[in-house]
Structure formats: C-alpha cells, structure tokens
C-alpha cells in the first residue's frame, strides 16, 4: 500500500492496524468513529494541525518495513 494525502484513514487502518499509533500521536483518539475512518488523511491532518506531507512520509516508511 502506498499512502497519499487522499487515502482514507479507514483503508490505512484496515491494511495495517499498527499504523494506529501514528494517528493517536497526532491527537486522533477516536479511530473507530465512522467519520474518522471515512475521512482522508489530508482532512484529518488539517483538523489536528499536523503536516500532511510529514504524516504521509511517516506512514509510508512504516508500511515499507
């Protein structure tokens, strides 16, 4: 899986649940919430004041392992 800013958070979590720690670190604590699972990574980052490009990089490095 390659994550982009448009990737749905639910899809990332379904692909690899160990990515949850990155969402928790950014303050997104309600990962099971329907709106949280359905929003794009860019939207979540904007709401939580996180640089979306940094988050994409972190997630892709994690998934590449």
Protein backbone atom coordinates (compact mmCIF):
# COMPACT_ATOMS: atom_id res chain seq x y z
CA UNK A 1 0.00 0.00 0.00
CA UNK A 2 1.17 3.49 -0.83
CA UNK A 3 -0.41 6.23 1.30
CA UNK A 4 -1.28 9.61 -0.18
CA UNK A 5 -2.99 12.60 1.34
CA UNK A 6 -6.21 11.42 -0.30
CA UNK A 7 -6.05 7.92 1.23
CA UNK A 8 -8.95 7.15 3.54
CA UNK A 9 -7.90 6.62 7.15
CA UNK A 10 -10.09 3.54 7.39
CA UNK A 11 -8.24 1.97 4.46
CA UNK A 12 -4.86 2.63 6.11
CA UNK A 13 -6.00 1.08 9.39
CA UNK A 14 -7.60 -1.90 7.64
CA UNK A 15 -4.39 -2.55 5.73
CA UNK A 16 -2.15 -2.34 8.83
CA UNK A 17 -3.58 -1.77 12.28
CA UNK A 18 -0.13 -0.96 13.68
CA UNK A 19 -0.41 2.43 11.95
CA UNK A 20 -2.91 3.46 14.65
CA UNK A 21 -0.07 4.74 16.82
CA UNK A 22 0.64 7.50 14.28
CA UNK A 23 -2.96 8.68 14.39
CA UNK A 24 -3.00 8.57 18.18
CA UNK A 25 0.22 10.62 18.29
CA UNK A 26 -1.43 13.34 16.20
CA UNK A 27 -4.34 13.52 18.65
CA UNK A 28 -6.82 11.45 16.67
CA UNK A 29 -8.10 9.28 19.50
CA UNK A 30 -11.45 8.19 18.06
CA UNK A 31 -10.23 5.88 15.32
CA UNK A 32 -13.36 3.75 15.40
CA UNK A 33 -15.65 6.72 14.79
CA UNK A 34 -17.35 6.46 11.38
CA UNK A 35 -16.34 9.97 10.37
CA UNK A 36 -12.72 9.43 11.41
CA UNK A 37 -12.46 6.19 9.47
CA UNK A 38 -14.05 7.75 6.40
CA UNK A 39 -12.06 10.95 6.14
CA UNK A 40 -8.94 11.48 4.09
CA UNK A 41 -5.53 11.73 5.66
CA UNK A 42 -5.31 15.36 4.48
CA UNK A 43 -8.59 16.25 6.21
CA UNK A 44 -7.55 14.61 9.47
CA UNK A 45 -4.20 16.35 9.42
CA UNK A 46 -5.84 19.72 8.77
CA UNK A 47 -8.24 19.28 11.70
CA UNK A 48 -5.46 18.20 14.06
CA UNK A 49 -2.81 20.70 12.95
CA UNK A 50 -0.45 18.09 11.54
CA UNK A 51 1.66 18.46 8.39
CA UNK A 52 0.03 16.06 5.91
CA UNK A 53 3.23 15.58 3.91
CA UNK A 54 5.13 14.53 7.06
CA UNK A 55 2.35 12.12 8.00
CA UNK A 56 2.35 10.56 4.52
CA UNK A 57 6.11 10.10 4.77
CA UNK A 58 5.92 8.52 8.24
CA UNK A 59 3.17 6.12 7.23
CA UNK A 60 4.87 5.06 4.00
CA UNK A 61 8.17 4.45 5.82
CA UNK A 62 6.32 2.34 8.38
CA UNK A 63 4.47 0.35 5.73
CA UNK A 64 7.65 -0.24 3.74
CA UNK A 65 9.15 -2.24 6.62
